Amino acid sequence: MGRGWTGVRDGAIAVGVVAFLLAAELLGQHPATELAPVGYLLLIAGGLSLVASRRAPLVVLAVTGSCALGQLAVGFEVPAVAFLVAVYAAVRAGHRVVTIAASVIMLAAVPLAMLASPRGWPVGEALTQARDVLPLAWLVAAGAAGEALRQAERRAEDAERTREETARRRADEERLHISRELHDSLTHQISVVTVQAEVAVHLARKRGEQVPEALLAIREAGREAARELRATLQALRDDGTDGKNPPYGLDDIPELVERARTCGLDATLTIEGHRHDVPVAVHRTAYRIVQESLTNITRHAAAARTRVLIDHRPDALVVRVDDDGPATPSSPPVPGVGLLGMRERVTALGGSLTAAPRGGGGFSVHAELPTGHTS
């Protein structure tokens, strides 16, 4: 429930109490006194103070009690409804001891206030009327209702906390399960590919033959995949809390571009703007955008040249990767899983991503990642 609705509800309760008290006094046919305006003022003030019962329950308890005693002292014999509502609010807020003490004081002070009123009540009749103004049963019921709701809210909070802890534990278990599956399946396969490439390179050099560039690229890709997989598995196991294996970031992008060159792609890297500290998530997302873009260009784009731009702006990091492949606006490539994952990463950071063919031919990936800095 929102704060606005809570305020409206508290205001409605206060107005309702004031209306009830005014009706009770006007229908009571009590003799008018010179202090009647003061009584009405106290009646209205005590009722309207209930608006703050959620924010300052003890203050409202004191105000409603004082106003109720003041009303009785000037001859208004209306039930202390506002005080009862304040008792409920104070107990609900957890102030049981103070509320009990205030209630005992009120039970003792109500007949005294009536004896001091212009009505001139005899002691016995004042005690009798006091039970009508502040019935003990109503007082106990108000306190019990507040305590019951407080216990219910606390149980609800405990249940919510338990659900969060259970969800977190399940997420940890799932993360460990994924790490084991990746380790059992991918690690072995990547290791086999890397070892085979290493053996082929070794044998070629031993025979004095020129090692094909494609074979060297396979070897390096296998090594890099193994490092990436180990880092990913470590992150899955420790939830990213271990700083011994920092994630790839901006400093690793030149290596990506150089690796693309070894695959025969004419790749250039341009860095603009003044670099400042950026969140780790932005570092890693920028790296992944460039990595995925270069991978797509190498595998699918049939491009000869590509340009990578890293632009450090005051409030954002711009990453742009352009190629001269055959893609055109009339024949765009089909988005793959890599592009979808790229978009999810950027969206999670509150950034924007555009990936589409360029008007003059070729494909362009343009991402803006907010860094939290201002100019």
Protein backbone atom coordinates (compact mmCIF):
# COMPACT_ATOMS: atom_id res chain seq x y z
CA MET A 1 0.00 0.00 0.00
CA GLY A 2 1.44 3.39 -1.03
CA ARG A 3 2.11 6.30 1.25
CA GLY A 4 -0.48 8.43 -0.52
CA TRP A 5 -3.26 5.94 0.14
CA THR A 6 -2.12 5.52 3.77
CA GLY A 7 -2.30 9.28 4.31
CA VAL A 8 -5.79 9.43 2.79
CA ARG A 9 -6.95 6.60 5.02
CA ASP A 10 -5.56 8.24 8.18
CA GLY A 11 -7.17 11.52 7.21
CA ALA A 12 -10.51 9.81 6.65
CA ILE A 13 -10.33 8.16 10.08
CA ALA A 14 -9.55 11.53 11.73
CA VAL A 15 -12.43 13.28 9.99
CA GLY A 16 -14.77 10.42 10.86
CA VAL A 17 -13.83 10.60 14.54
CA VAL A 18 -14.36 14.37 14.59
CA ALA A 19 -17.76 13.98 12.94
CA PHE A 20 -18.77 11.32 15.46
CA LEU A 21 -17.68 13.44 18.44
CA LEU A 22 -19.46 16.54 17.15
CA ALA A 23 -22.64 14.56 16.56
CA ALA A 24 -22.44 13.03 20.04
CA GLU A 25 -22.03 16.42 21.65
CA LEU A 26 -24.71 18.19 19.62
CA LEU A 27 -27.24 15.40 20.21
CA GLY A 28 -26.43 15.17 23.89
CA GLN A 29 -28.57 18.19 24.80
CA HIS A 30 -26.11 19.34 27.44
CA PRO A 31 -26.57 22.81 28.92
CA ALA A 32 -24.51 25.46 27.11
CA THR A 33 -21.62 27.08 28.95
CA GLU A 34 -19.31 29.99 28.27
CA LEU A 35 -16.49 27.50 27.68
CA ALA A 36 -18.36 25.68 24.91
CA PRO A 37 -16.14 27.16 22.13
CA VAL A 38 -13.09 25.85 23.95
CA GLY A 39 -14.70 22.42 24.19
CA TYR A 40 -15.44 22.31 20.48
CA LEU A 41 -11.90 23.42 19.69
CA LEU A 42 -10.43 20.67 21.88
CA LEU A 43 -12.79 18.10 20.37
CA ILE A 44 -11.77 18.99 16.80
CA ALA A 45 -8.07 19.24 17.66
CA GLY A 46 -8.04 15.83 19.35
CA GLY A 47 -9.78 14.15 16.44
CA LEU A 48 -7.68 15.74 13.72
CA SER A 49 -4.44 14.86 15.51
CA LEU A 50 -5.10 11.25 14.53
CA VAL A 51 -3.79 12.11 11.07
CA ALA A 52 -0.28 11.80 12.55
CA SER A 53 -0.97 8.61 14.51
CA ARG A 54 1.23 6.52 12.20
CA ARG A 55 4.17 8.94 12.19
CA ALA A 56 4.11 10.03 15.87
CA PRO A 57 1.87 7.65 17.84
CA LEU A 58 3.05 8.71 21.30
CA VAL A 59 2.58 12.40 20.56
CA VAL A 60 -0.92 11.72 19.28
CA LEU A 61 -1.63 9.63 22.39
CA ALA A 62 -0.68 12.56 24.61
CA VAL A 63 -2.63 15.08 22.50
CA THR A 64 -5.84 13.05 22.36
CA GLY A 65 -5.68 12.29 26.07
CA SER A 66 -5.15 15.94 26.97
CA CYS A 67 -7.95 17.07 24.67
CA ALA A 68 -10.33 14.48 26.12
CA LEU A 69 -9.60 15.66 29.66
CA GLY A 70 -10.00 19.27 28.56
CA GLN A 71 -13.40 18.53 27.01
CA LEU A 72 -14.59 16.95 30.24
CA ALA A 73 -13.29 19.89 32.27
CA VAL A 74 -15.42 22.35 30.27
CA GLY A 75 -18.54 20.17 30.48
CA PHE A 76 -18.37 18.06 27.27
CA GLU A 77 -19.20 14.47 28.19
CA VAL A 78 -18.51 12.69 24.89
CA PRO A 79 -16.78 9.28 24.67
CA ALA A 80 -12.98 9.47 24.37
CA VAL A 81 -13.02 7.87 20.93
CA ALA A 82 -9.97 9.74 19.69
CA PHE A 83 -7.95 8.50 22.67
CA LEU A 84 -9.06 4.91 21.99
CA VAL A 85 -7.90 5.17 18.37
CA ALA A 86 -4.60 6.61 19.59
CA VAL A 87 -4.20 3.66 22.01
CA TYR A 88 -4.69 1.25 19.10
CA ALA A 89 -2.10 3.10 16.96
CA ALA A 90 0.48 3.30 19.75
CA VAL A 91 0.23 -0.41 20.62
CA ARG A 92 0.42 -1.30 16.93
CA ALA A 93 3.64 0.72 16.73
CA GLY A 94 5.08 -1.34 19.59
CA HIS A 95 4.77 1.18 22.48
CA ARG A 96 2.91 -1.15 24.82
CA VAL A 97 4.38 -0.07 28.18
CA VAL A 98 3.92 3.64 27.53
CA THR A 99 0.38 3.06 26.27
CA ILE A 100 -0.60 1.05 29.35
CA ALA A 101 0.79 3.76 31.61
CA ALA A 102 -1.08 6.48 29.69
CA SER A 103 -4.29 4.44 29.86
CA VAL A 104 -4.01 4.03 33.65
CA ILE A 105 -3.44 7.77 34.03
CA MET A 106 -6.48 8.50 31.85
CA LEU A 107 -8.71 6.14 33.84
CA ALA A 108 -7.75 7.98 37.00
CA ALA A 109 -7.92 11.47 35.49
CA VAL A 110 -11.31 11.22 33.75
CA PRO A 111 -13.45 11.39 36.97
CA LEU A 112 -11.23 14.17 38.30
CA ALA A 113 -11.80 16.21 35.14
CA MET A 114 -15.53 15.66 35.43
CA LEU A 115 -15.52 16.83 39.05
CA ALA A 116 -13.80 20.02 37.89
CA SER A 117 -16.38 20.69 35.17
CA PRO A 118 -19.08 23.38 35.47
CA ARG A 119 -21.68 20.62 35.80
CA GLY A 120 -20.73 20.15 39.45
CA TRP A 121 -21.02 16.35 39.46
CA PRO A 122 -21.18 14.59 42.83
CA VAL A 123 -18.30 12.15 43.32
CA GLY A 124 -20.38 9.00 42.92
CA GLU A 125 -22.15 10.23 39.80
CA ALA A 126 -18.84 11.45 38.33
CA LEU A 127 -17.38 7.97 38.74
CA THR A 128 -20.42 6.45 37.06
CA GLN A 129 -20.30 8.86 34.12
CA ALA A 130 -16.54 8.32 33.77
CA ARG A 131 -17.18 4.67 32.89
CA ASP A 132 -19.33 5.86 29.98
CA VAL A 133 -16.72 8.34 28.75
CA LEU A 134 -13.83 5.84 28.79
CA PRO A 135 -15.14 2.27 29.17
CA LEU A 136 -12.44 -0.12 30.38
CA ALA A 137 -13.63 -2.81 27.95
CA TRP A 138 -13.19 -0.47 24.98
CA LEU A 139 -9.73 0.47 26.20
CA VAL A 140 -8.66 -3.15 26.46
CA ALA A 141 -10.20 -3.95 23.07
CA ALA A 142 -8.32 -1.08 21.38
CA GLY A 143 -5.01 -2.23 22.87
CA ALA A 144 -5.67 -5.86 22.00
CA ALA A 145 -6.54 -4.97 18.40
CA GLY A 146 -3.33 -2.97 18.03
CA GLU A 147 -1.23 -5.80 19.47
CA ALA A 148 -2.91 -8.39 17.25
CA LEU A 149 -2.22 -6.39 14.11
CA ARG A 150 1.37 -5.73 15.18
CA GLN A 151 1.97 -9.47 15.63
CA ALA A 152 0.35 -10.19 12.25
CA GLU A 153 2.57 -7.64 10.51
CA ARG A 154 5.66 -9.03 12.19
CA ARG A 155 4.78 -12.56 11.10
CA ALA A 156 4.26 -11.30 7.55
CA GLU A 157 7.68 -9.63 7.61
CA ASP A 158 9.28 -12.82 8.93
CA ALA A 159 7.58 -14.83 6.20
CA GLU A 160 8.78 -12.40 3.51
CA ARG A 161 12.32 -12.54 4.86
CA THR A 162 12.18 -16.33 4.88
CA ARG A 163 11.00 -16.35 1.25
CA GLU A 164 13.87 -14.05 0.25
CA GLU A 165 16.40 -16.25 2.03
CA THR A 166 14.94 -19.36 0.40
CA ALA A 167 15.06 -17.73 -3.05
CA ARG A 168 18.65 -16.65 -2.47
CA ARG A 169 19.64 -20.15 -1.36
CA ARG A 170 17.98 -21.68 -4.40
CA ALA A 171 19.77 -19.21 -6.65
CA ASP A 172 23.09 -20.18 -5.06
CA GLU A 173 22.33 -23.85 -5.57
CA GLU A 174 21.35 -23.25 -9.20
CA ARG A 175 24.49 -21.23 -9.78
CA LEU A 176 26.64 -24.05 -8.43
CA HIS A 177 24.72 -26.56 -10.56
CA ILE A 178 25.35 -24.49 -13.68
CA SER A 179 29.05 -24.17 -12.85
CA ARG A 180 29.33 -27.95 -12.44
CA GLU A 181 27.54 -28.57 -15.73
CA LEU A 182 29.77 -26.11 -17.56
CA HIS A 183 32.86 -27.60 -16.00
CA ASP A 184 31.87 -31.16 -16.87
CA SER A 185 30.88 -30.42 -20.47
CA LEU A 186 32.63 -27.37 -21.92
CA THR A 187 35.93 -27.53 -20.04
CA HIS A 188 36.74 -30.98 -21.37
CA GLN A 189 35.80 -30.13 -24.96
CA ILE A 190 37.75 -26.87 -24.98
CA SER A 191 40.76 -28.59 -23.46
CA VAL A 192 40.67 -31.23 -26.20
CA VAL A 193 40.53 -28.58 -28.95
CA THR A 194 43.37 -26.59 -27.38
CA VAL A 195 45.59 -29.63 -26.88
CA GLN A 196 45.02 -30.79 -30.47
CA ALA A 197 45.92 -27.33 -31.76
CA GLU A 198 49.03 -27.23 -29.58
CA VAL A 199 50.13 -30.63 -30.89
CA ALA A 200 49.50 -29.60 -34.51
CA VAL A 201 51.53 -26.39 -34.06
CA HIS A 202 54.35 -28.31 -32.37
CA LEU A 203 54.51 -30.95 -35.10
CA ALA A 204 54.47 -28.37 -37.90
CA ARG A 205 57.33 -26.47 -36.33
CA LYS A 206 59.25 -29.68 -35.65
CA ARG A 207 59.02 -30.59 -39.34
CA GLY A 208 60.10 -27.10 -40.30
CA GLU A 209 56.79 -26.27 -41.92
CA GLN A 210 55.06 -22.91 -41.78
CA VAL A 211 52.27 -22.96 -39.22
CA PRO A 212 48.96 -21.85 -40.80
CA GLU A 213 47.51 -18.65 -39.36
CA ALA A 214 44.17 -20.39 -38.91
CA LEU A 215 45.78 -23.01 -36.70
CA LEU A 216 47.45 -20.34 -34.56
CA ALA A 217 44.13 -18.56 -34.28
CA ILE A 218 42.44 -21.80 -33.15
CA ARG A 219 45.11 -22.30 -30.51
CA GLU A 220 44.78 -18.76 -29.18
CA ALA A 221 41.00 -18.95 -29.25
CA GLY A 222 41.13 -22.19 -27.26
CA ARG A 223 43.41 -20.67 -24.67
CA GLU A 224 41.21 -17.60 -24.39
CA ALA A 225 38.06 -19.70 -24.13
CA ALA A 226 39.62 -21.74 -21.34
CA ARG A 227 40.56 -18.58 -19.44
CA GLU A 228 37.08 -17.12 -19.94
CA LEU A 229 35.43 -20.32 -18.82
CA ARG A 230 37.55 -20.52 -15.68
CA ALA A 231 36.71 -16.91 -14.83
CA THR A 232 33.00 -17.54 -15.47
CA LEU A 233 32.98 -20.65 -13.32
CA GLN A 234 34.72 -18.79 -10.53
CA ALA A 235 32.18 -15.97 -10.74
CA LEU A 236 29.33 -18.48 -10.61
CA ARG A 237 30.80 -20.15 -7.55
CA ASP A 238 31.53 -17.06 -5.50
CA ASP A 239 28.76 -14.76 -6.85
CA GLY A 240 31.30 -12.22 -8.04
CA THR A 241 32.64 -11.50 -4.54
CA ASP A 242 36.15 -12.75 -5.19
CA GLY A 243 38.44 -10.05 -6.51
CA LYS A 244 41.30 -12.41 -7.41
CA ASN A 245 39.93 -12.88 -10.95
CA PRO A 246 38.91 -9.43 -12.16
CA PRO A 247 36.53 -9.42 -15.14
CA TYR A 248 37.63 -8.45 -18.63
CA GLY A 249 37.14 -4.78 -19.38
CA LEU A 250 38.26 -1.78 -21.39
CA ASP A 251 41.96 -2.56 -20.97
CA ASP A 252 41.44 -5.90 -22.73
CA ILE A 253 39.73 -4.49 -25.84
CA PRO A 254 43.05 -3.79 -27.69
CA GLU A 255 43.84 -7.49 -27.37
CA LEU A 256 40.46 -8.33 -28.94
CA VAL A 257 41.20 -6.04 -31.88
CA GLU A 258 44.68 -7.50 -32.31
CA ARG A 259 43.23 -11.01 -32.28
CA ALA A 260 40.79 -9.99 -35.02
CA ARG A 261 43.75 -8.86 -37.13
CA THR A 262 45.33 -12.31 -36.82
CA CYS A 263 42.16 -13.69 -38.40
CA GLY A 264 42.73 -11.53 -41.49
CA LEU A 265 40.42 -8.66 -40.59
CA ASP A 266 41.64 -5.10 -41.05
CA ALA A 267 40.61 -3.91 -37.58
CA THR A 268 41.37 -0.51 -36.04
CA LEU A 269 40.71 0.82 -32.56
CA THR A 270 40.03 4.48 -31.81
CA ILE A 271 39.73 5.81 -28.25
CA GLU A 272 38.33 9.30 -27.72
CA GLY A 273 37.54 11.49 -24.74
CA HIS A 274 38.99 11.63 -21.26
CA ARG A 275 38.82 8.31 -19.48
CA HIS A 276 37.46 8.30 -15.94
CA ASP A 277 36.47 5.60 -13.50
CA VAL A 278 33.47 3.59 -14.61
CA PRO A 279 31.60 0.77 -12.85
CA VAL A 280 32.92 -2.76 -13.29
CA ALA A 281 29.67 -3.77 -14.99
CA VAL A 282 30.22 -1.10 -17.65
CA HIS A 283 33.81 -2.31 -18.15
CA ARG A 284 32.65 -5.87 -18.72
CA THR A 285 29.69 -4.93 -20.92
CA ALA A 286 31.89 -2.80 -23.19
CA TYR A 287 34.29 -5.72 -23.55
CA ARG A 288 31.46 -8.14 -24.35
CA ILE A 289 29.98 -5.81 -26.97
CA VAL A 290 33.28 -5.54 -28.81
CA GLN A 291 33.97 -9.25 -28.42
CA GLU A 292 30.57 -10.32 -29.74
CA SER A 293 30.67 -7.78 -32.57
CA LEU A 294 34.12 -8.88 -33.77
CA THR A 295 33.13 -12.52 -33.48
CA ASN A 296 30.05 -11.95 -35.62
CA ILE A 297 32.06 -10.00 -38.19
CA THR A 298 34.70 -12.72 -38.42
CA ARG A 299 32.20 -15.54 -38.73
CA HIS A 300 29.27 -14.12 -40.64
CA ALA A 301 29.79 -10.64 -42.06
CA ALA A 302 32.28 -11.39 -44.85
CA ALA A 303 33.78 -7.98 -44.10
CA ALA A 304 37.31 -6.83 -44.89
CA ARG A 305 37.54 -3.87 -42.52
CA THR A 306 36.10 -2.93 -39.17
CA ARG A 307 36.46 0.07 -36.91
CA VAL A 308 36.05 -0.03 -33.13
CA LEU A 309 35.38 3.26 -31.36
CA ILE A 310 35.49 3.78 -27.58
CA ASP A 311 34.28 7.28 -26.69
CA HIS A 312 34.58 8.40 -23.06
CA ARG A 313 31.87 11.01 -22.56
CA PRO A 314 31.18 12.89 -19.32
CA ASP A 315 28.08 10.84 -18.46
CA ALA A 316 28.35 7.76 -20.67
CA LEU A 317 30.68 5.35 -22.39
CA VAL A 318 29.96 4.95 -26.10
CA VAL A 319 30.99 1.75 -27.86
CA ARG A 320 30.66 1.56 -31.64
CA VAL A 321 31.73 -1.21 -33.99
CA ASP A 322 31.31 -0.69 -37.78
CA ASP A 323 32.17 -3.07 -40.59
CA ASP A 324 32.03 -2.94 -44.41
CA GLY A 325 30.19 -6.21 -44.89
CA PRO A 326 27.37 -6.79 -47.40
CA ALA A 327 24.53 -6.04 -44.98
CA THR A 328 22.10 -3.34 -46.16
CA PRO A 329 18.88 -1.88 -44.75
CA SER A 330 16.95 -3.90 -47.34
CA SER A 331 18.62 -7.19 -46.35
CA PRO A 332 19.45 -7.06 -42.64
CA PRO A 333 21.00 -10.12 -41.01
CA VAL A 334 18.90 -12.26 -38.68
CA PRO A 335 19.60 -11.34 -35.03
CA GLY A 336 21.25 -14.16 -33.12
CA VAL A 337 21.57 -15.12 -29.48
CA GLY A 338 24.72 -13.04 -29.14
CA LEU A 339 22.95 -9.84 -30.16
CA LEU A 340 20.06 -10.58 -27.81
CA GLY A 341 22.47 -11.16 -24.93
CA MET A 342 24.27 -7.94 -25.81
CA ARG A 343 21.01 -6.01 -25.71
CA GLU A 344 20.07 -7.52 -22.34
CA ARG A 345 23.39 -6.47 -20.84
CA VAL A 346 23.01 -2.90 -22.06
CA THR A 347 19.39 -2.64 -20.96
CA ALA A 348 20.27 -3.94 -17.50
CA LEU A 349 22.65 -0.99 -17.11
CA GLY A 350 20.01 1.51 -18.22
CA GLY A 351 21.75 2.14 -21.54
CA SER A 352 20.70 1.94 -25.17
CA LEU A 353 21.82 -0.28 -28.03
CA THR A 354 21.35 0.07 -31.78
CA ALA A 355 22.43 -2.76 -34.04
CA ALA A 356 21.44 -2.40 -37.68
CA PRO A 357 22.81 -2.15 -41.23
CA ARG A 358 24.19 1.22 -42.30
CA GLY A 359 22.79 3.21 -45.17
CA GLY A 360 26.02 2.97 -47.16
CA GLY A 361 26.42 -0.74 -46.53
CA GLY A 362 27.88 -2.72 -43.68
CA PHE A 363 26.67 -3.28 -40.15
CA SER A 364 26.94 -1.01 -37.13
CA VAL A 365 26.62 -1.71 -33.40
CA HIS A 366 26.22 1.42 -31.29
CA ALA A 367 25.86 1.25 -27.50
CA GLU A 368 25.68 4.02 -24.89
CA LEU A 369 26.38 2.90 -21.34
CA PRO A 370 25.64 5.37 -18.52
CA THR A 371 28.54 5.75 -16.11
CA GLY A 372 26.92 7.79 -13.36
CA HIS A 373 29.17 10.81 -13.96
CA THR A 374 27.95 14.32 -14.82
CA SER A 375 29.72 17.09 -16.61
